[in-house]
Each structure stands twice: as C-alpha cells, then as structure tokens.
Amino acid sequence: MNNQSPATGTPLELRGVTKLFGDFRAVDDVSFSLTAGCIHGFLGPNGAGKTTTIRMILEIIKPTNGSITVLGESSALKVRQRIGYLPEEKGLYKKMKCWAVIAYFATLKGLGRGAAKRCAFELLERYGLKDFATKPTDALSKGMGQKVQMLASIAHDPEFVILDEPFSGLDPVNQQVMEDIIRDMAKRGRTVLFSTHIMQHAERLCDRILLLAKGRKIFDGPVAEAKRIIPRRVRIQTGDDITPLRELAEVVSLRPLPRATDELGSGAAANWELELRESGDPQAILQACFARGIRLLSFNQSDPTLHEVFVRLVGPDAKEASFR
C-alpha cells in the first residue's frame, strides 16, 4: 500500500445543497463538513436522501443548488485518486480472481501493477481471505464478495473513503470484519463517511453522526451530544413507597413500569423508571434510596442508545429503519 499522508484540511464541505427530481425534493438545503481523520456516520431511514447526497459528493450527479468541496477542490473528479468509494449497488467481475479484482481497481487509482498485486494479496491475508485469493469472485459467498469489493475500493490507500450501506446483507461475522476495516482506516488517519440505517454500527464506530430525514439535516455532531437529546434513566424495582424520590433535584419524572413478583415477600413490587436531568447522577438516586429506607430488588442505570435518539428525532419515519 502507498504511504501518502492523510488529509489535514476539511475533507468535505457541503453548503446549501439541494437536489430536485422534477417536483420531488430528494435533498433539501443540506450543509455540513467533515473532520479529517474521523469516522462519520451518515444516518437516516431508507429514502432519506443519503445515497443521493453521496452521488452528488462524487459528482455522479450534480446538485440543483448549493456547493460541494472535496479535499479542497470544487470537483471530486479532480481528486478521485485520493478517494475510495463503495457503492450501494455492489457487484464484481464474476470470472476475475479475487486478487486481480483488487489489483485492477488499485491500478485505476494510480498504483503500478506490481505494487497493486502485492497490495491485493496483503489485504486479502489481513482480512481473512488469503485462501480465496486465486478463486474467481463468482465462487464467493455474498459476504466474502462484499469484502473483496470493499478491499478493492481502498487498495490505493485513499485519504477519504465513502461507503454507501457497507453492512447491507452481511452476516454478523462479516459485519465484524467490515467494522475492523473501517477502524483500521481511521487509526491510520483516513477520513471515513459511511451511510447506514442500522444504528448499532454507527454507535460502535462513529466519532460523529449526520442524520437526515426526508432530505433535510436534523442532527450533526458527536455521538455523545446526540445521546444527550434523551435524558438518562434509572430503573428500580421495589415494594416500598417511592414518593420521596419525586422530590429529588436530579429527577425530572417518574413513571411505573409493568409489575413484578416481590422477592422481599411484602406484597407486589413495582418497577419504576426515573428520568434524570442532564447533570443528574444515578448514584445520587441509589444513595437516596438507602437514606430513605427504600429497599431495592434491582437498580439499573442506562444511557440512551442511538436507536432511541433516532426514533425521537425522526418520528414516524423511524419505522423504516433497521436496528440489528
């Protein structure tokens, strides 16, 4: 693989980008920029405008309005050898050997034939496909074929990598390999933008997320900031009176959950969920229970998931998303 330095400026910036298809507004006045060397999740339900935006970034299609800057240039075509791209519609040359596919795409991006071949075998070995290097791609499972195409898209060691639904259709083992590839690129200072509607991948991988719904940007920022949109929660189970907890400064609300069998033997216990203020400490709730003699059968604290944030922000469209 080559030793080019990672990008140090702004890898990507969109300003007021809109795309119309007739009267349909697929992307509506979207502006954002990426931070170099980070993993950025591009999230949203199916039909939110993610793929259309990616195609505009790569100048496969042009925006109706707005401007796009990629690696400091007004056109991605000027810096295409510094970009890696895995499209949503995936496919391989069926009769080509795996190493040859990877090497071929590397040569298209500027590598010499010898270097491209060495890089192909290195990547196949690193990500568990060494035994398939000389097999034709039509002998591969869908998951292995998708990995080969992923490796072909990054064999030239691009500074900026765009992955459109890279996890689509993969089993858990191959999903993990795909995550490893993305993490490895970020460790080497490359900038990654990947679109997905599977929130767990974004939660595990991303430094920042951009969320679209109906073509509009509805969130752009760090994952931790997104999670602050939904308050922290504490769930307790007790058969005692929890009225004193309502008076705590940390507690915004308290609601009952389905009842449970009381292991203390004092009648029916109840499950409660306490919603805390942003600065609220769950340990303060636990201490308050001890101080007030509230006997606990269970005590659980949890931060909101990206799934819950997504549902809160997207609303009815969230049912179109997949959460695996």
C-alpha atoms as a PDB file:
ATOM      1  CA  MET A   1       0.000   0.000   0.000  1.00  0.00           C
ATOM      2  CA  ASN A   2       1.246   3.530  -0.609  1.00  0.00           C
ATOM      3  CA  ASN A   3       2.445   5.883   2.082  1.00  0.00           C
ATOM      4  CA  GLN A   4       0.563   9.042   1.202  1.00  0.00           C
ATOM      5  CA  SER A   5      -0.190  11.324   4.125  1.00  0.00           C
ATOM      6  CA  PRO A   6      -3.762  11.607   5.364  1.00  0.00           C
ATOM      7  CA  ALA A   7      -5.756  14.745   4.666  1.00  0.00           C
ATOM      8  CA  THR A   8      -5.219  17.544   7.166  1.00  0.00           C
ATOM      9  CA  GLY A   9      -7.772  20.102   5.969  1.00  0.00           C
ATOM     10  CA  THR A  10     -11.534  19.736   5.671  1.00  0.00           C
ATOM     11  CA  PRO A  11     -12.142  16.567   3.625  1.00  0.00           C
ATOM     12  CA  LEU A  12     -15.684  17.537   2.683  1.00  0.00           C
ATOM     13  CA  GLU A  13     -17.937  20.559   2.915  1.00  0.00           C
ATOM     14  CA  LEU A  14     -21.494  20.992   1.636  1.00  0.00           C
ATOM     15  CA  ARG A  15     -23.179  24.394   1.601  1.00  0.00           C
ATOM     16  CA  GLY A  16     -26.902  24.694   0.981  1.00  0.00           C
ATOM     17  CA  VAL A  17     -27.053  21.618  -1.224  1.00  0.00           C
ATOM     18  CA  THR A  18     -30.435  20.797  -2.750  1.00  0.00           C
ATOM     19  CA  LYS A  19     -31.365  18.154  -5.304  1.00  0.00           C
ATOM     20  CA  LEU A  20     -34.668  18.132  -7.168  1.00  0.00           C
ATOM     21  CA  PHE A  21     -36.003  15.344  -9.351  1.00  0.00           C
ATOM     22  CA  GLY A  22     -38.883  17.083 -11.029  1.00  0.00           C
ATOM     23  CA  ASP A  23     -41.062  18.312  -8.174  1.00  0.00           C
ATOM     24  CA  PHE A  24     -39.534  15.865  -5.694  1.00  0.00           C
ATOM     25  CA  ARG A  25     -37.011  17.398  -3.280  1.00  0.00           C
ATOM     26  CA  ALA A  26     -34.652  14.490  -2.551  1.00  0.00           C
ATOM     27  CA  VAL A  27     -32.132  16.653  -0.652  1.00  0.00           C
ATOM     28  CA  ASP A  28     -33.242  19.922   0.875  1.00  0.00           C
ATOM     29  CA  ASP A  29     -30.733  22.693   1.709  1.00  0.00           C
ATOM     30  CA  VAL A  30     -28.170  20.445   3.434  1.00  0.00           C
ATOM     31  CA  SER A  31     -24.949  21.912   4.849  1.00  0.00           C
ATOM     32  CA  PHE A  32     -22.232  20.096   6.789  1.00  0.00           C
ATOM     33  CA  SER A  33     -18.493  19.496   6.914  1.00  0.00           C
ATOM     34  CA  LEU A  34     -16.367  16.540   7.990  1.00  0.00           C
ATOM     35  CA  THR A  35     -13.455  16.436  10.408  1.00  0.00           C
ATOM     36  CA  ALA A  36     -10.280  14.896   8.989  1.00  0.00           C
ATOM     37  CA  GLY A  37      -9.262  11.514  10.414  1.00  0.00           C
ATOM     38  CA  CYS A  38     -12.671  10.732  11.951  1.00  0.00           C
ATOM     39  CA  ILE A  39     -15.370   8.149  11.290  1.00  0.00           C
ATOM     40  CA  HIS A  40     -18.600   9.881  10.331  1.00  0.00           C
ATOM     41  CA  GLY A  41     -21.936   8.074  10.239  1.00  0.00           C
ATOM     42  CA  PHE A  42     -24.423   9.229   7.620  1.00  0.00           C
ATOM     43  CA  LEU A  43     -27.720   8.062   9.061  1.00  0.00           C
ATOM     44  CA  GLY A  44     -31.359   8.079   8.153  1.00  0.00           C
ATOM     45  CA  PRO A  45     -34.267   5.836   7.170  1.00  0.00           C
ATOM     46  CA  ASN A  46     -34.461   4.454   3.662  1.00  0.00           C
ATOM     47  CA  GLY A  47     -35.297   7.264   1.258  1.00  0.00           C
ATOM     48  CA  ALA A  48     -33.855   9.995   3.479  1.00  0.00           C
ATOM     49  CA  GLY A  49     -31.510  11.257   0.751  1.00  0.00           C
ATOM     50  CA  LYS A  50     -28.240   9.620   1.833  1.00  0.00           C
ATOM     51  CA  THR A  51     -27.351   7.938  -1.461  1.00  0.00           C
ATOM     52  CA  THR A  52     -28.402  10.983  -3.487  1.00  0.00           C
ATOM     53  CA  THR A  53     -26.110  13.142  -1.343  1.00  0.00           C
ATOM     54  CA  ILE A  54     -23.212  10.726  -1.776  1.00  0.00           C
ATOM     55  CA  ARG A  55     -23.681  10.716  -5.544  1.00  0.00           C
ATOM     56  CA  MET A  56     -23.580  14.493  -5.561  1.00  0.00           C
ATOM     57  CA  ILE A  57     -20.415  14.495  -3.455  1.00  0.00           C
ATOM     58  CA  LEU A  58     -18.765  12.214  -6.018  1.00  0.00           C
ATOM     59  CA  GLU A  59     -20.188  14.245  -8.927  1.00  0.00           C
ATOM     60  CA  ILE A  60     -22.057  11.258 -10.298  1.00  0.00           C
ATOM     61  CA  ILE A  61     -24.982  13.668 -10.338  1.00  0.00           C
ATOM     62  CA  LYS A  62     -24.951  17.435  -9.864  1.00  0.00           C
ATOM     63  CA  PRO A  63     -26.855  19.363  -7.203  1.00  0.00           C
ATOM     64  CA  THR A  64     -29.705  21.622  -8.221  1.00  0.00           C
ATOM     65  CA  ASN A  65     -28.411  24.280  -5.834  1.00  0.00           C
ATOM     66  CA  GLY A  66     -25.506  24.689  -3.449  1.00  0.00           C
ATOM     67  CA  SER A  67     -21.796  23.926  -3.496  1.00  0.00           C
ATOM     68  CA  ILE A  68     -19.631  20.917  -2.594  1.00  0.00           C
ATOM     69  CA  THR A  69     -15.901  20.957  -1.817  1.00  0.00           C
ATOM     70  CA  VAL A  70     -13.991  17.654  -1.662  1.00  0.00           C
ATOM     71  CA  LEU A  71     -10.389  17.572  -0.370  1.00  0.00           C
ATOM     72  CA  GLY A  72     -10.112  21.259  -1.119  1.00  0.00           C
ATOM     73  CA  GLU A  73     -11.406  21.011  -4.693  1.00  0.00           C
ATOM     74  CA  SER A  74     -14.705  22.074  -6.214  1.00  0.00           C
ATOM     75  CA  SER A  75     -14.971  18.729  -8.024  1.00  0.00           C
ATOM     76  CA  ALA A  76     -14.369  15.231  -6.705  1.00  0.00           C
ATOM     77  CA  LEU A  77     -13.159  14.289 -10.185  1.00  0.00           C
ATOM     78  CA  LYS A  78     -10.052  16.412  -9.629  1.00  0.00           C
ATOM     79  CA  VAL A  79      -9.080  14.346  -6.566  1.00  0.00           C
ATOM     80  CA  ARG A  80     -10.577  10.973  -7.487  1.00  0.00           C
ATOM     81  CA  GLN A  81      -7.282   9.141  -6.906  1.00  0.00           C
ATOM     82  CA  ARG A  82      -7.408  10.271  -3.280  1.00  0.00           C
ATOM     83  CA  ILE A  83     -10.972   8.983  -2.733  1.00  0.00           C
ATOM     84  CA  GLY A  84     -12.258   5.468  -2.088  1.00  0.00           C
ATOM     85  CA  TYR A  85     -15.886   4.617  -2.814  1.00  0.00           C
ATOM     86  CA  LEU A  86     -18.008   1.556  -2.105  1.00  0.00           C
ATOM     87  CA  PRO A  87     -21.383   1.999  -3.862  1.00  0.00           C
ATOM     88  CA  GLU A  88     -24.715   0.786  -2.564  1.00  0.00           C
ATOM     89  CA  GLU A  89     -25.171  -1.352  -5.693  1.00  0.00           C
ATOM     90  CA  LYS A  90     -22.422  -3.900  -5.209  1.00  0.00           C
ATOM     91  CA  GLY A  91     -21.047  -6.264  -7.829  1.00  0.00           C
ATOM     92  CA  LEU A  92     -17.814  -7.841  -9.084  1.00  0.00           C
ATOM     93  CA  TYR A  93     -16.381  -9.124 -12.347  1.00  0.00           C
ATOM     94  CA  LYS A  94     -17.510 -12.711 -11.922  1.00  0.00           C
ATOM     95  CA  LYS A  95     -14.684 -14.586 -13.637  1.00  0.00           C
ATOM     96  CA  MET A  96     -11.798 -12.496 -12.330  1.00  0.00           C
ATOM     97  CA  LYS A  97      -9.717 -13.819  -9.472  1.00  0.00           C
ATOM     98  CA  CYS A  98     -10.118 -12.021  -6.175  1.00  0.00           C
ATOM     99  CA  TRP A  99      -6.595 -10.633  -6.091  1.00  0.00           C
ATOM    100  CA  ALA A 100      -6.931  -9.472  -9.706  1.00  0.00           C
ATOM    101  CA  VAL A 101     -10.103  -7.500  -8.986  1.00  0.00           C
ATOM    102  CA  ILE A 102      -8.438  -5.647  -6.116  1.00  0.00           C
ATOM    103  CA  ALA A 103      -5.257  -5.049  -8.097  1.00  0.00           C
ATOM    104  CA  TYR A 104      -7.198  -3.825 -11.132  1.00  0.00           C
ATOM    105  CA  PHE A 105      -9.044  -1.165  -9.159  1.00  0.00           C
ATOM    106  CA  ALA A 106      -5.791  -0.125  -7.481  1.00  0.00           C
ATOM    107  CA  THR A 107      -4.152   0.444 -10.870  1.00  0.00           C
ATOM    108  CA  LEU A 108      -7.108   2.594 -11.931  1.00  0.00           C
ATOM    109  CA  LYS A 109      -6.251   4.837  -8.980  1.00  0.00           C
ATOM    110  CA  GLY A 110      -2.577   5.153  -9.861  1.00  0.00           C
ATOM    111  CA  LEU A 111      -0.708   2.165  -8.393  1.00  0.00           C
ATOM    112  CA  GLY A 112       1.778   0.305 -10.564  1.00  0.00           C
ATOM    113  CA  ARG A 113       0.886  -3.284 -11.494  1.00  0.00           C
ATOM    114  CA  GLY A 114       3.473  -4.873  -9.196  1.00  0.00           C
ATOM    115  CA  ALA A 115       2.545  -2.705  -6.211  1.00  0.00           C
ATOM    116  CA  ALA A 116      -1.160  -3.296  -6.853  1.00  0.00           C
ATOM    117  CA  LYS A 117      -0.709  -7.070  -6.873  1.00  0.00           C
ATOM    118  CA  ARG A 118       1.331  -7.023  -3.649  1.00  0.00           C
ATOM    119  CA  CYS A 119      -1.268  -4.801  -2.014  1.00  0.00           C
ATOM    120  CA  ALA A 120      -4.108  -7.130  -3.096  1.00  0.00           C
ATOM    121  CA  PHE A 121      -2.513 -10.199  -1.507  1.00  0.00           C
ATOM    122  CA  GLU A 122      -1.620  -8.245   1.627  1.00  0.00           C
ATOM    123  CA  LEU A 123      -5.196  -7.058   2.098  1.00  0.00           C
ATOM    124  CA  LEU A 124      -6.698 -10.486   1.419  1.00  0.00           C
ATOM    125  CA  GLU A 125      -4.440 -12.058   4.029  1.00  0.00           C
ATOM    126  CA  ARG A 126      -5.051  -9.333   6.601  1.00  0.00           C
ATOM    127  CA  TYR A 127      -8.815  -9.689   6.430  1.00  0.00           C
ATOM    128  CA  GLY A 128      -9.135 -13.470   6.278  1.00  0.00           C
ATOM    129  CA  LEU A 129      -9.466 -14.088   2.535  1.00  0.00           C
ATOM    130  CA  LYS A 130      -5.981 -15.403   1.764  1.00  0.00           C
ATOM    131  CA  ASP A 131      -7.312 -18.857   0.782  1.00  0.00           C
ATOM    132  CA  PHE A 132      -9.648 -17.263  -1.771  1.00  0.00           C
ATOM    133  CA  ALA A 133      -7.067 -15.023  -3.448  1.00  0.00           C
ATOM    134  CA  THR A 134      -6.847 -17.102  -6.629  1.00  0.00           C
ATOM    135  CA  LYS A 135     -10.511 -18.090  -6.815  1.00  0.00           C
ATOM    136  CA  PRO A 136     -12.936 -16.360  -9.193  1.00  0.00           C
ATOM    137  CA  THR A 137     -15.282 -13.974  -7.455  1.00  0.00           C
ATOM    138  CA  ASP A 138     -18.367 -15.941  -8.509  1.00  0.00           C
ATOM    139  CA  ALA A 139     -17.172 -18.727  -6.176  1.00  0.00           C
ATOM    140  CA  LEU A 140     -17.521 -16.418  -3.167  1.00  0.00           C
ATOM    141  CA  SER A 141     -20.433 -16.059  -0.796  1.00  0.00           C
ATOM    142  CA  LYS A 142     -22.202 -12.717  -0.783  1.00  0.00           C
ATOM    143  CA  GLY A 143     -20.394 -11.664   2.378  1.00  0.00           C
ATOM    144  CA  MET A 144     -16.943 -12.576   1.092  1.00  0.00           C
ATOM    145  CA  GLY A 145     -17.669 -10.928  -2.251  1.00  0.00           C
ATOM    146  CA  GLN A 146     -18.675  -7.742  -0.484  1.00  0.00           C
ATOM    147  CA  LYS A 147     -15.408  -7.790   1.486  1.00  0.00           C
ATOM    148  CA  VAL A 148     -13.440  -8.168  -1.744  1.00  0.00           C
ATOM    149  CA  GLN A 149     -15.247  -5.175  -3.232  1.00  0.00           C
ATOM    150  CA  MET A 150     -14.573  -3.193  -0.074  1.00  0.00           C
ATOM    151  CA  LEU A 151     -10.861  -4.013  -0.305  1.00  0.00           C
ATOM    152  CA  ALA A 152     -10.863  -3.022  -3.966  1.00  0.00           C
ATOM    153  CA  SER A 153     -12.252   0.385  -3.008  1.00  0.00           C
ATOM    154  CA  ILE A 154      -9.436   1.099  -0.519  1.00  0.00           C
ATOM    155  CA  ALA A 155      -6.452  -0.695  -2.102  1.00  0.00           C
ATOM    156  CA  HIS A 156      -4.935   2.610  -3.246  1.00  0.00           C
ATOM    157  CA  ASP A 157      -4.946   3.835   0.382  1.00  0.00           C
ATOM    158  CA  PRO A 158      -7.291   6.806  -0.113  1.00  0.00           C
ATOM    159  CA  GLU A 159      -7.366   9.791   2.219  1.00  0.00           C
ATOM    160  CA  PHE A 160     -11.150   9.979   2.133  1.00  0.00           C
ATOM    161  CA  VAL A 161     -13.394   6.916   1.954  1.00  0.00           C
ATOM    162  CA  ILE A 162     -17.138   6.916   1.247  1.00  0.00           C
ATOM    163  CA  LEU A 163     -19.075   3.729   1.951  1.00  0.00           C
ATOM    164  CA  ASP A 164     -22.736   3.514   0.967  1.00  0.00           C
ATOM    165  CA  GLU A 165     -24.535   0.938   3.144  1.00  0.00           C
ATOM    166  CA  PRO A 166     -21.410  -1.236   3.602  1.00  0.00           C
ATOM    167  CA  PHE A 167     -23.141  -3.580   6.071  1.00  0.00           C
ATOM    168  CA  SER A 168     -26.206  -4.299   3.963  1.00  0.00           C
ATOM    169  CA  GLY A 169     -26.891  -8.030   3.708  1.00  0.00           C
ATOM    170  CA  LEU A 170     -23.854  -9.149   5.727  1.00  0.00           C
ATOM    171  CA  ASP A 171     -23.975 -11.810   8.424  1.00  0.00           C
ATOM    172  CA  PRO A 172     -22.609 -10.904  11.899  1.00  0.00           C
ATOM    173  CA  VAL A 173     -19.140 -12.349  11.204  1.00  0.00           C
ATOM    174  CA  ASN A 174     -18.679 -10.358   8.009  1.00  0.00           C
ATOM    175  CA  GLN A 175     -20.172  -7.268   9.651  1.00  0.00           C
ATOM    176  CA  GLN A 176     -17.409  -7.506  12.242  1.00  0.00           C
ATOM    177  CA  VAL A 177     -14.736  -7.737   9.541  1.00  0.00           C
ATOM    178  CA  MET A 178     -16.209  -4.684   7.837  1.00  0.00           C
ATOM    179  CA  GLU A 179     -16.077  -2.789  11.122  1.00  0.00           C
ATOM    180  CA  ASP A 180     -12.429  -3.819  11.562  1.00  0.00           C
ATOM    181  CA  ILE A 181     -11.557  -2.460   8.112  1.00  0.00           C
ATOM    182  CA  ILE A 182     -13.204   0.868   8.911  1.00  0.00           C
ATOM    183  CA  ARG A 183     -11.444   1.142  12.293  1.00  0.00           C
ATOM    184  CA  ASP A 184      -8.088   0.313  10.708  1.00  0.00           C
ATOM    185  CA  MET A 185      -8.505   3.152   8.211  1.00  0.00           C
ATOM    186  CA  ALA A 186      -9.351   5.629  10.966  1.00  0.00           C
ATOM    187  CA  LYS A 187      -6.312   4.534  13.020  1.00  0.00           C
ATOM    188  CA  ARG A 188      -4.161   5.490  10.049  1.00  0.00           C
ATOM    189  CA  GLY A 189      -5.678   8.962   9.890  1.00  0.00           C
ATOM    190  CA  ARG A 190      -8.050   8.401   6.993  1.00  0.00           C
ATOM    191  CA  THR A 191     -11.468  10.064   6.956  1.00  0.00           C
ATOM    192  CA  VAL A 192     -14.449   7.725   6.610  1.00  0.00           C
ATOM    193  CA  LEU A 193     -18.048   8.599   5.765  1.00  0.00           C
ATOM    194  CA  PHE A 194     -20.418   5.657   5.741  1.00  0.00           C
ATOM    195  CA  SER A 195     -24.152   5.643   5.289  1.00  0.00           C
ATOM    196  CA  THR A 196     -26.339   3.219   7.164  1.00  0.00           C
ATOM    197  CA  HIS A 197     -29.803   2.798   8.608  1.00  0.00           C
ATOM    198  CA  ILE A 198     -28.514   0.270  11.171  1.00  0.00           C
ATOM    199  CA  MET A 199     -27.939   2.282  14.307  1.00  0.00           C
ATOM    200  CA  GLN A 200     -25.756  -0.204  16.193  1.00  0.00           C
ATOM    201  CA  HIS A 201     -22.952   0.029  13.638  1.00  0.00           C
ATOM    202  CA  ALA A 202     -22.939   3.795  13.909  1.00  0.00           C
ATOM    203  CA  GLU A 203     -22.979   3.652  17.701  1.00  0.00           C
ATOM    204  CA  ARG A 204     -19.984   1.320  17.827  1.00  0.00           C
ATOM    205  CA  LEU A 205     -17.899   3.020  15.144  1.00  0.00           C
ATOM    206  CA  CYS A 206     -18.610   6.706  14.779  1.00  0.00           C
ATOM    207  CA  ASP A 207     -16.957   9.778  16.203  1.00  0.00           C
ATOM    208  CA  ARG A 208     -19.667  11.969  14.716  1.00  0.00           C
ATOM    209  CA  ILE A 209     -23.014  11.415  13.031  1.00  0.00           C
ATOM    210  CA  LEU A 210     -25.097  13.265  10.496  1.00  0.00           C
ATOM    211  CA  LEU A 211     -28.791  12.405  10.483  1.00  0.00           C
ATOM    212  CA  LEU A 212     -31.113  13.034   7.533  1.00  0.00           C
ATOM    213  CA  ALA A 213     -34.877  12.635   7.329  1.00  0.00           C
ATOM    214  CA  LYS A 214     -36.955  13.471   4.256  1.00  0.00           C
ATOM    215  CA  GLY A 215     -33.920  15.077   2.658  1.00  0.00           C
ATOM    216  CA  ARG A 216     -33.220  17.504   5.496  1.00  0.00           C
ATOM    217  CA  LYS A 217     -30.454  17.534   8.085  1.00  0.00           C
ATOM    218  CA  ILE A 218     -31.869  17.108  11.574  1.00  0.00           C
ATOM    219  CA  PHE A 219     -28.690  16.441  13.560  1.00  0.00           C
ATOM    220  CA  ASP A 220     -24.964  16.924  13.024  1.00  0.00           C
ATOM    221  CA  GLY A 221     -22.468  16.366  15.833  1.00  0.00           C
ATOM    222  CA  PRO A 222     -20.637  13.932  18.117  1.00  0.00           C
ATOM    223  CA  VAL A 223     -22.364  10.725  19.181  1.00  0.00           C
ATOM    224  CA  ALA A 224     -22.175  11.787  22.835  1.00  0.00           C
ATOM    225  CA  GLU A 225     -24.001  15.023  22.007  1.00  0.00           C
ATOM    226  CA  ALA A 226     -26.716  13.090  20.179  1.00  0.00           C
ATOM    227  CA  LYS A 227     -27.293  10.913  23.216  1.00  0.00           C
ATOM    228  CA  ARG A 228     -27.841  13.970  25.397  1.00  0.00           C
ATOM    229  CA  ILE A 229     -31.022  14.655  23.426  1.00  0.00           C
ATOM    230  CA  ILE A 230     -32.701  11.959  25.526  1.00  0.00           C
ATOM    231  CA  PRO A 231     -32.325  12.187  29.323  1.00  0.00           C
ATOM    232  CA  ARG A 232     -30.514   9.496  31.307  1.00  0.00           C
ATOM    233  CA  ARG A 233     -32.694   6.966  33.095  1.00  0.00           C
ATOM    234  CA  VAL A 234     -32.654   4.823  36.189  1.00  0.00           C
ATOM    235  CA  ARG A 235     -34.884   1.807  36.639  1.00  0.00           C
ATOM    236  CA  ILE A 236     -35.616   0.414  40.078  1.00  0.00           C
ATOM    237  CA  GLN A 237     -37.754  -2.383  41.462  1.00  0.00           C
ATOM    238  CA  THR A 238     -39.158  -2.088  44.964  1.00  0.00           C
ATOM    239  CA  GLY A 239     -42.187  -2.861  47.047  1.00  0.00           C
ATOM    240  CA  ASP A 240     -41.751   0.303  49.107  1.00  0.00           C
ATOM    241  CA  ASP A 241     -43.182   3.795  48.735  1.00  0.00           C
ATOM    242  CA  ILE A 242     -41.029   5.794  46.295  1.00  0.00           C
ATOM    243  CA  THR A 243     -42.771   9.153  46.893  1.00  0.00           C
ATOM    244  CA  PRO A 244     -39.613  10.711  48.445  1.00  0.00           C
ATOM    245  CA  LEU A 245     -37.738  10.197  45.176  1.00  0.00           C
ATOM    246  CA  ARG A 246     -40.085  12.564  43.345  1.00  0.00           C
ATOM    247  CA  GLU A 247     -38.670  15.422  45.411  1.00  0.00           C
ATOM    248  CA  LEU A 248     -35.056  14.900  44.331  1.00  0.00           C
ATOM    249  CA  ALA A 249     -33.495  17.656  42.244  1.00  0.00           C
ATOM    250  CA  GLU A 250     -31.999  15.064  39.875  1.00  0.00           C
ATOM    251  CA  VAL A 251     -35.394  13.613  38.919  1.00  0.00           C
ATOM    252  CA  VAL A 252     -37.401  15.055  36.031  1.00  0.00           C
ATOM    253  CA  SER A 253     -40.135  12.419  36.012  1.00  0.00           C
ATOM    254  CA  LEU A 254     -41.011   9.055  37.475  1.00  0.00           C
ATOM    255  CA  ARG A 255     -43.305   6.519  35.864  1.00  0.00           C
ATOM    256  CA  PRO A 256     -44.412   2.971  36.680  1.00  0.00           C
ATOM    257  CA  LEU A 257     -43.415   0.003  34.533  1.00  0.00           C
ATOM    258  CA  PRO A 258     -45.019  -3.480  34.472  1.00  0.00           C
ATOM    259  CA  ARG A 259     -45.230  -5.001  37.937  1.00  0.00           C
ATOM    260  CA  ALA A 260     -43.058  -7.873  39.106  1.00  0.00           C
ATOM    261  CA  THR A 261     -43.081 -10.537  41.813  1.00  0.00           C
ATOM    262  CA  ASP A 262     -41.776  -9.158  45.090  1.00  0.00           C
ATOM    263  CA  GLU A 263     -38.852 -11.203  46.320  1.00  0.00           C
ATOM    264  CA  LEU A 264     -38.912  -9.372  49.651  1.00  0.00           C
ATOM    265  CA  GLY A 265     -42.171 -11.074  50.497  1.00  0.00           C
ATOM    266  CA  SER A 266     -44.052  -7.891  51.307  1.00  0.00           C
ATOM    267  CA  GLY A 267     -46.625  -7.930  48.565  1.00  0.00           C
ATOM    268  CA  ALA A 268     -46.477  -6.865  44.943  1.00  0.00           C
ATOM    269  CA  ALA A 269     -43.318  -4.997  43.975  1.00  0.00           C
ATOM    270  CA  ALA A 270     -43.305  -2.372  41.272  1.00  0.00           C
ATOM    271  CA  ASN A 271     -40.857  -1.370  38.573  1.00  0.00           C
ATOM    272  CA  TRP A 272     -40.208   2.340  38.154  1.00  0.00           C
ATOM    273  CA  GLU A 273     -38.339   4.391  35.591  1.00  0.00           C
ATOM    274  CA  LEU A 274     -36.845   7.701  36.685  1.00  0.00           C
ATOM    275  CA  GLU A 275     -35.842  10.238  34.035  1.00  0.00           C
ATOM    276  CA  LEU A 276     -32.908  12.365  35.183  1.00  0.00           C
ATOM    277  CA  ARG A 277     -31.756  15.854  34.398  1.00  0.00           C
ATOM    278  CA  GLU A 278     -28.677  16.139  32.179  1.00  0.00           C
ATOM    279  CA  SER A 279     -26.487  16.786  35.224  1.00  0.00           C
ATOM    280  CA  GLY A 280     -28.238  14.145  37.330  1.00  0.00           C
ATOM    281  CA  ASP A 281     -26.048  11.426  38.859  1.00  0.00           C
ATOM    282  CA  PRO A 282     -27.655   7.959  39.041  1.00  0.00           C
ATOM    283  CA  GLN A 283     -25.596   7.247  42.134  1.00  0.00           C
ATOM    284  CA  ALA A 284     -27.433  10.060  43.914  1.00  0.00           C
ATOM    285  CA  ILE A 285     -30.663   8.136  43.339  1.00  0.00           C
ATOM    286  CA  LEU A 286     -29.136   4.985  44.811  1.00  0.00           C
ATOM    287  CA  GLN A 287     -27.876   6.878  47.855  1.00  0.00           C
ATOM    288  CA  ALA A 288     -31.279   8.490  48.318  1.00  0.00           C
ATOM    289  CA  CYS A 289     -32.925   5.067  48.347  1.00  0.00           C
ATOM    290  CA  PHE A 290     -30.578   3.868  51.080  1.00  0.00           C
ATOM    291  CA  ALA A 291     -31.016   7.061  53.089  1.00  0.00           C
ATOM    292  CA  ARG A 292     -34.811   6.857  52.936  1.00  0.00           C
ATOM    293  CA  GLY A 293     -35.055   3.146  53.659  1.00  0.00           C
ATOM    294  CA  ILE A 294     -36.355   2.202  50.208  1.00  0.00           C
ATOM    295  CA  ARG A 295     -35.460  -1.475  49.750  1.00  0.00           C
ATOM    296  CA  LEU A 296     -34.402  -2.270  46.204  1.00  0.00           C
ATOM    297  CA  LEU A 297     -34.848  -5.545  44.377  1.00  0.00           C
ATOM    298  CA  SER A 298     -32.983  -4.120  41.387  1.00  0.00           C
ATOM    299  CA  PHE A 299     -31.266  -0.921  40.320  1.00  0.00           C
ATOM    300  CA  ASN A 300     -30.230  -0.257  36.719  1.00  0.00           C
ATOM    301  CA  GLN A 301     -28.915   2.875  35.089  1.00  0.00           C
ATOM    302  CA  SER A 302     -28.705   3.293  31.329  1.00  0.00           C
ATOM    303  CA  ASP A 303     -27.702   5.911  28.820  1.00  0.00           C
ATOM    304  CA  PRO A 304     -29.944   6.326  25.776  1.00  0.00           C
ATOM    305  CA  THR A 305     -28.998   4.387  22.666  1.00  0.00           C
ATOM    306  CA  LEU A 306     -28.541   5.898  19.236  1.00  0.00           C
ATOM    307  CA  HIS A 307     -31.623   3.902  18.233  1.00  0.00           C
ATOM    308  CA  GLU A 308     -33.701   5.830  20.779  1.00  0.00           C
ATOM    309  CA  VAL A 309     -32.233   9.149  19.661  1.00  0.00           C
ATOM    310  CA  PHE A 310     -33.016   8.253  16.062  1.00  0.00           C
ATOM    311  CA  VAL A 311     -36.634   7.419  16.896  1.00  0.00           C
ATOM    312  CA  ARG A 312     -37.009  10.633  18.909  1.00  0.00           C
ATOM    313  CA  LEU A 313     -35.667  12.817  16.085  1.00  0.00           C
ATOM    314  CA  VAL A 314     -37.058  11.062  13.035  1.00  0.00           C
ATOM    315  CA  GLY A 315     -40.504  10.247  14.377  1.00  0.00           C
ATOM    316  CA  PRO A 316     -42.869   8.149  12.230  1.00  0.00           C
ATOM    317  CA  ASP A 317     -40.219   7.598   9.538  1.00  0.00           C
ATOM    318  CA  ALA A 318     -38.112   5.688  12.070  1.00  0.00           C
ATOM    319  CA  LYS A 319     -40.159   2.555  11.463  1.00  0.00           C
ATOM    320  CA  GLU A 320     -38.404   2.262   8.092  1.00  0.00           C
ATOM    321  CA  ALA A 321     -35.020   1.890   9.755  1.00  0.00           C
ATOM    322  CA  SER A 322     -33.438  -1.397  10.765  1.00  0.00           C
ATOM    323  CA  PHE A 323     -31.967  -1.919  14.202  1.00  0.00           C
ATOM    324  CA  ARG A 324     -29.819  -5.053  14.377  1.00  0.00           C
END
